[in-house]
Protein backbone atom coordinates (compact mmCIF):
# COMPACT_ATOMS: atom_id res chain seq x y z
CA UNK A 1 -0.51 -28.92 77.18
CA UNK A 2 2.67 -30.49 78.27
CA UNK A 3 4.96 -32.78 76.38
CA UNK A 4 4.02 -35.59 78.70
CA UNK A 5 0.46 -35.53 77.54
CA UNK A 6 1.45 -35.06 73.90
CA UNK A 7 4.20 -37.66 73.52
CA UNK A 8 3.62 -39.79 76.54
CA UNK A 9 7.04 -39.10 78.07
CA UNK A 10 8.71 -36.48 80.14
CA UNK A 11 10.06 -33.34 78.61
CA UNK A 12 13.16 -33.53 76.48
CA UNK A 13 16.30 -31.50 76.77
CA UNK A 14 17.02 -31.41 73.03
CA UNK A 15 15.22 -31.76 69.75
CA UNK A 16 17.56 -34.60 68.89
CA UNK A 17 15.94 -36.72 71.55
CA UNK A 18 12.60 -36.59 69.78
CA UNK A 19 11.53 -39.89 68.31
CA UNK A 20 11.52 -39.99 64.51
CA UNK A 21 8.02 -40.23 63.11
CA UNK A 22 8.14 -40.47 59.34
CA UNK A 23 5.22 -41.02 57.03
CA UNK A 24 5.56 -43.78 54.52
CA UNK A 25 3.41 -45.27 51.84
CA UNK A 26 0.49 -47.42 52.80
CA UNK A 27 1.20 -51.14 52.84
CA UNK A 28 -0.50 -51.68 49.46
CA UNK A 29 1.28 -48.66 47.88
CA UNK A 30 -0.13 -45.49 46.40
CA UNK A 31 -2.44 -45.66 43.41
CA UNK A 32 -0.92 -44.77 40.04
CA UNK A 33 -1.01 -41.10 39.13
CA UNK A 34 -2.70 -40.38 35.80
CA UNK A 35 -0.68 -37.71 34.08
CA UNK A 36 -1.42 -38.42 30.39
CA UNK A 37 -4.32 -36.71 28.60
CA UNK A 38 -7.11 -39.09 27.88
CA UNK A 39 -9.30 -37.43 25.28
CA UNK A 40 -12.50 -39.26 24.58
CA UNK A 41 -12.70 -40.29 20.94
CA UNK A 42 -16.00 -38.67 20.13
CA UNK A 43 -16.84 -37.41 16.68
CA UNK A 44 -16.11 -38.44 13.12
CA UNK A 45 -12.73 -39.59 11.93
CA UNK A 46 -10.44 -37.42 9.82
CA UNK A 47 -11.29 -39.36 6.68
CA UNK A 48 -15.00 -38.81 7.25
CA UNK A 49 -14.49 -35.07 7.78
CA UNK A 50 -12.38 -34.90 4.61
CA UNK A 51 -14.96 -36.80 2.59
CA UNK A 52 -17.92 -34.73 3.81
CA UNK A 53 -16.10 -31.42 3.30
CA UNK A 54 -15.02 -32.50 -0.20
CA UNK A 55 -18.61 -33.32 -1.10
CA UNK A 56 -19.85 -29.97 0.25
CA UNK A 57 -17.14 -28.02 -1.60
CA UNK A 58 -17.83 -29.97 -4.80
CA UNK A 59 -21.56 -29.22 -4.55
CA UNK A 60 -20.80 -25.54 -3.98
CA UNK A 61 -18.51 -25.38 -7.01
CA UNK A 62 -21.21 -27.07 -9.11
CA UNK A 63 -23.72 -24.44 -7.98
CA UNK A 64 -21.26 -21.65 -8.85
CA UNK A 65 -20.84 -23.15 -12.32
CA UNK A 66 -24.61 -23.36 -12.83
CA UNK A 67 -24.96 -19.74 -11.72
CA UNK A 68 -22.24 -18.69 -14.17
CA UNK A 69 -24.03 -20.47 -17.03
CA UNK A 70 -27.31 -18.77 -16.10
CA UNK A 71 -25.69 -15.32 -15.86
CA UNK A 72 -23.90 -15.87 -19.18
CA UNK A 73 -27.29 -16.62 -20.79
CA UNK A 74 -28.79 -13.42 -19.34
CA UNK A 75 -25.81 -11.43 -20.59
CA UNK A 76 -26.12 -12.92 -24.09
CA UNK A 77 -29.83 -12.11 -24.14
CA UNK A 78 -29.15 -8.52 -23.08
CA UNK A 79 -26.46 -8.17 -25.76
CA UNK A 80 -28.77 -9.58 -28.44
CA UNK A 81 -31.51 -7.13 -27.44
CA UNK A 82 -29.08 -4.22 -27.59
CA UNK A 83 -27.80 -5.35 -30.99
CA UNK A 84 -31.37 -5.51 -32.27
CA UNK A 85 -32.08 -1.94 -31.10
CA UNK A 86 -28.89 -0.35 -32.45
CA UNK A 87 -30.14 0.18 -36.07
CA UNK A 88 -33.26 1.99 -34.81
CA UNK A 89 -31.25 4.19 -32.47
CA UNK A 90 -28.80 4.97 -35.26
CA UNK A 91 -31.64 5.89 -37.63
CA UNK A 92 -33.10 8.24 -35.01
CA UNK A 93 -29.70 9.83 -34.43
CA UNK A 94 -29.17 10.25 -38.19
CA UNK A 95 -32.57 11.94 -38.57
CA UNK A 96 -31.81 14.26 -35.65
CA UNK A 97 -28.41 15.06 -37.14
CA UNK A 98 -29.93 15.93 -40.54
CA UNK A 99 -32.56 18.19 -38.94
CA UNK A 100 -29.95 20.02 -36.87
CA UNK A 101 -27.55 20.25 -39.84
CA UNK A 102 -30.33 21.81 -41.97
CA UNK A 103 -31.07 24.33 -39.20
CA UNK A 104 -27.39 25.28 -39.04
CA UNK A 105 -27.19 25.61 -42.85
CA UNK A 106 -30.23 27.93 -42.83
CA UNK A 107 -28.66 30.00 -40.06
CA UNK A 108 -25.35 30.09 -41.98
CA UNK A 109 -27.19 31.27 -45.13
CA UNK A 110 -28.81 34.13 -43.13
CA UNK A 111 -25.57 35.20 -41.44
CA UNK A 112 -23.33 34.99 -44.53
CA UNK A 113 -25.88 36.37 -47.05
CA UNK A 114 -23.91 39.61 -47.52
CA UNK A 115 -20.55 37.87 -48.16
CA UNK A 116 -19.89 37.58 -51.92
CA UNK A 117 -18.85 34.13 -53.18
CA UNK A 118 -19.82 32.31 -49.98
CA UNK A 119 -21.20 28.83 -50.59
CA UNK A 120 -23.47 27.58 -47.80
CA UNK A 121 -22.45 24.20 -46.38
CA UNK A 122 -19.10 24.06 -48.14
CA UNK A 123 -16.18 22.82 -46.05
CA UNK A 124 -13.91 25.73 -45.18
CA UNK A 125 -10.87 23.51 -44.78
CA UNK A 126 -10.93 22.16 -48.36
CA UNK A 127 -8.80 19.16 -47.47
CA UNK A 128 -10.50 16.96 -50.05
CA UNK A 129 -10.72 14.24 -47.42
CA UNK A 130 -14.08 13.01 -46.20
CA UNK A 131 -14.61 13.32 -42.44
CA UNK A 132 -17.44 11.59 -40.66
CA UNK A 133 -19.79 14.07 -39.01
CA UNK A 134 -19.29 14.35 -35.29
CA UNK A 135 -22.09 13.14 -33.10
CA UNK A 136 -23.61 15.31 -30.42
CA UNK A 137 -24.48 18.95 -30.74
CA UNK A 138 -23.61 20.77 -33.91
CA UNK A 139 -22.58 24.40 -34.08
CA UNK A 140 -20.96 26.72 -31.59
CA UNK A 141 -23.89 27.32 -29.26
CA UNK A 142 -24.26 24.76 -26.52
């Protein structure tokens, strides 16, 4: 295409001869550009969230307290049962200890029968101080 058909005039010798065509705003102006964030206010307010979360946390703490009270009761019941059983267990252990002590004294009497002046069951340390018998197995054999 020629410049005559494009611009409606004969060809130009320089770019400076071109007519100035500049865009401008429309006669009514451009619409305003929205650049601020417009977040829709949907959902509860901060005070409502605070109130609801406080109620939920309070209810949870109440439930924890109730669970602690219940567990404390179970623990007390267990302790009371153990305290009630202790005398029976101690009596059984004492009877076992006496039986095993008698066996050891009989064995000591057999082994030391040929030693003159040996007293069966007498403390060899002669400290004069009473020592509680040790619990568990008596004697050297395990």
